[in-house]
Protein backbone atom coordinates (compact mmCIF):
# COMPACT_ATOMS: atom_id res chain seq x y z
CA GLU A 1 0.00 0.00 0.00
CA VAL A 2 1.34 3.40 -1.01
CA GLN A 3 1.47 5.93 1.80
CA LEU A 4 2.72 9.48 2.16
CA GLN A 5 2.43 10.67 5.74
CA ALA A 6 2.96 14.40 6.18
CA SER A 7 3.68 16.02 9.52
CA GLY A 8 5.14 19.15 11.03
CA GLY A 9 2.40 21.67 10.44
CA GLY A 10 1.18 24.00 13.13
CA LEU A 11 0.65 27.59 14.22
CA VAL A 12 3.52 30.02 13.88
CA GLN A 13 3.89 33.78 13.97
CA THR A 14 4.89 35.87 10.98
CA GLY A 15 8.60 35.52 10.40
CA GLY A 16 8.76 32.14 12.07
CA SER A 17 9.84 28.78 10.71
CA LEU A 18 8.45 25.29 10.36
CA ARG A 19 9.83 22.09 8.93
CA LEU A 20 7.42 19.74 7.23
CA SER A 21 8.27 16.07 6.87
CA CYS A 22 6.71 13.40 4.71
CA ALA A 23 7.42 9.72 5.20
CA ALA A 24 6.87 7.52 2.16
CA SER A 25 6.24 3.81 1.88
CA GLY A 26 4.87 1.29 -0.58
CA PHE A 27 6.84 2.41 -3.65
CA THR A 28 10.43 2.93 -4.74
CA PHE A 29 10.90 6.39 -3.31
CA ASP A 30 14.16 7.30 -5.01
CA ASP A 31 12.65 6.64 -8.45
CA TYR A 32 10.15 9.46 -8.05
CA VAL A 33 10.13 13.22 -8.25
CA VAL A 34 8.90 14.57 -4.93
CA GLY A 35 7.06 17.78 -4.34
CA TRP A 36 4.90 19.95 -2.12
CA PHE A 37 1.61 21.57 -3.02
CA ARG A 38 -0.61 23.74 -0.88
CA GLN A 39 -4.21 24.86 -0.76
CA ALA A 40 -5.22 27.99 1.08
CA PRO A 41 -8.80 28.50 2.31
CA GLY A 42 -11.04 29.42 -0.60
CA LYS A 43 -8.26 29.08 -3.15
CA GLU A 44 -7.15 26.52 -5.67
CA ARG A 45 -4.36 24.13 -4.93
CA GLU A 46 -0.96 25.29 -6.16
CA GLY A 47 2.49 23.83 -6.50
CA VAL A 48 5.16 25.06 -4.14
CA SER A 49 8.35 23.15 -4.84
CA CYS A 50 9.66 19.91 -6.25
CA MET A 51 12.87 17.92 -6.40
CA THR A 52 13.97 15.46 -9.04
CA SER A 53 14.96 11.90 -8.37
CA THR A 54 17.99 11.70 -10.64
CA ASP A 55 20.20 14.66 -9.82
CA GLY A 56 18.30 16.36 -7.01
CA THR A 57 17.49 19.49 -8.98
CA THR A 58 15.08 21.70 -7.09
CA TYR A 59 12.37 24.02 -8.33
CA TYR A 60 10.46 26.68 -6.45
CA LYS A 61 7.56 28.93 -7.19
CA ASP A 62 8.48 32.59 -7.02
CA PHE A 63 6.41 33.22 -3.93
CA VAL A 64 8.59 30.89 -1.81
CA LYS A 65 11.99 31.34 -3.42
CA GLY A 66 14.62 32.24 -0.90
CA ARG A 67 12.40 31.23 2.02
CA PHE A 68 11.56 27.53 1.51
CA THR A 69 13.96 24.64 0.95
CA ILE A 70 12.94 21.21 -0.28
CA SER A 71 15.09 18.18 0.45
CA ARG A 72 14.90 14.42 0.44
CA ASP A 73 16.51 11.54 2.28
CA ASN A 74 16.32 8.56 -0.04
CA ALA A 75 17.86 6.24 2.53
CA ASN A 76 14.92 6.89 4.84
CA ASN A 77 12.20 7.48 2.21
CA THR A 78 11.47 10.92 3.56
CA MET A 79 11.10 14.36 2.06
CA TYR A 80 11.17 17.71 3.82
CA LEU A 81 10.13 21.30 3.35
CA GLN A 82 11.97 23.82 5.47
CA MET A 83 9.92 27.01 5.61
CA ASN A 84 11.51 30.19 6.91
CA ASN A 85 10.31 33.76 7.18
CA LEU A 86 6.72 32.61 7.02
CA LYS A 87 4.01 35.05 6.02
CA PRO A 88 0.26 35.01 6.67
CA GLU A 89 -0.29 34.26 2.98
CA ASP A 90 1.58 30.98 3.47
CA THR A 91 -1.35 29.73 5.56
CA ALA A 92 -2.62 26.58 3.84
CA VAL A 93 -2.86 22.84 3.96
CA TYR A 94 0.41 21.48 2.61
CA TYR A 95 0.49 18.21 0.68
CA CYS A 96 3.49 16.10 -0.16
CA THR A 97 3.53 14.30 -3.47
CA ALA A 98 5.51 11.83 -5.51
CA GLY A 99 5.31 11.25 -9.22
CA PRO A 100 7.08 11.02 -12.57
CA SER A 101 7.46 14.81 -12.89
CA CYS A 102 6.93 18.04 -10.98
CA ASN A 103 3.55 18.53 -12.62
CA GLY A 104 2.59 14.87 -12.59
CA ALA A 105 1.96 13.92 -8.98
CA GLU A 106 0.90 10.29 -8.75
CA PHE A 107 0.76 9.87 -4.99
CA TRP A 108 -0.54 12.38 -2.46
CA GLY A 109 -0.17 12.68 1.28
CA GLN A 110 -3.05 13.58 3.54
CA GLY A 111 -1.98 17.17 4.13
CA THR A 112 -0.75 19.10 7.12
CA LEU A 113 -2.10 22.49 8.13
CA VAL A 114 0.20 25.46 8.42
CA THR A 115 -1.23 28.60 9.99
CA VAL A 116 0.77 31.81 10.09
CA SER A 117 -0.57 34.50 12.38
CA SER A 118 0.05 38.18 11.76
């Protein structure tokens, strides 16, 4: 059974930091591109960042560049999203994904809520 278990969300003040984790199981983790999406209240889901499986190239949307860092630990089938200098507009449910490409998520985690207070 494929599972992506996200954790690490919570309430933080503006300017604070959080580190999201996502533990994967049930598939060959290091064969997949991993990524993070988010969905804010009343808004559509959007991609945040992704990381390739082959050479570890990372991609970020402009609104998180310089503040968020995606990483992966293939030995432990885990991906991370380090989020610094958080802003109220970062408030959303964050989902971890795995798939053949950054835009082609095949597996989705259950989401973890990040709330940034002003």
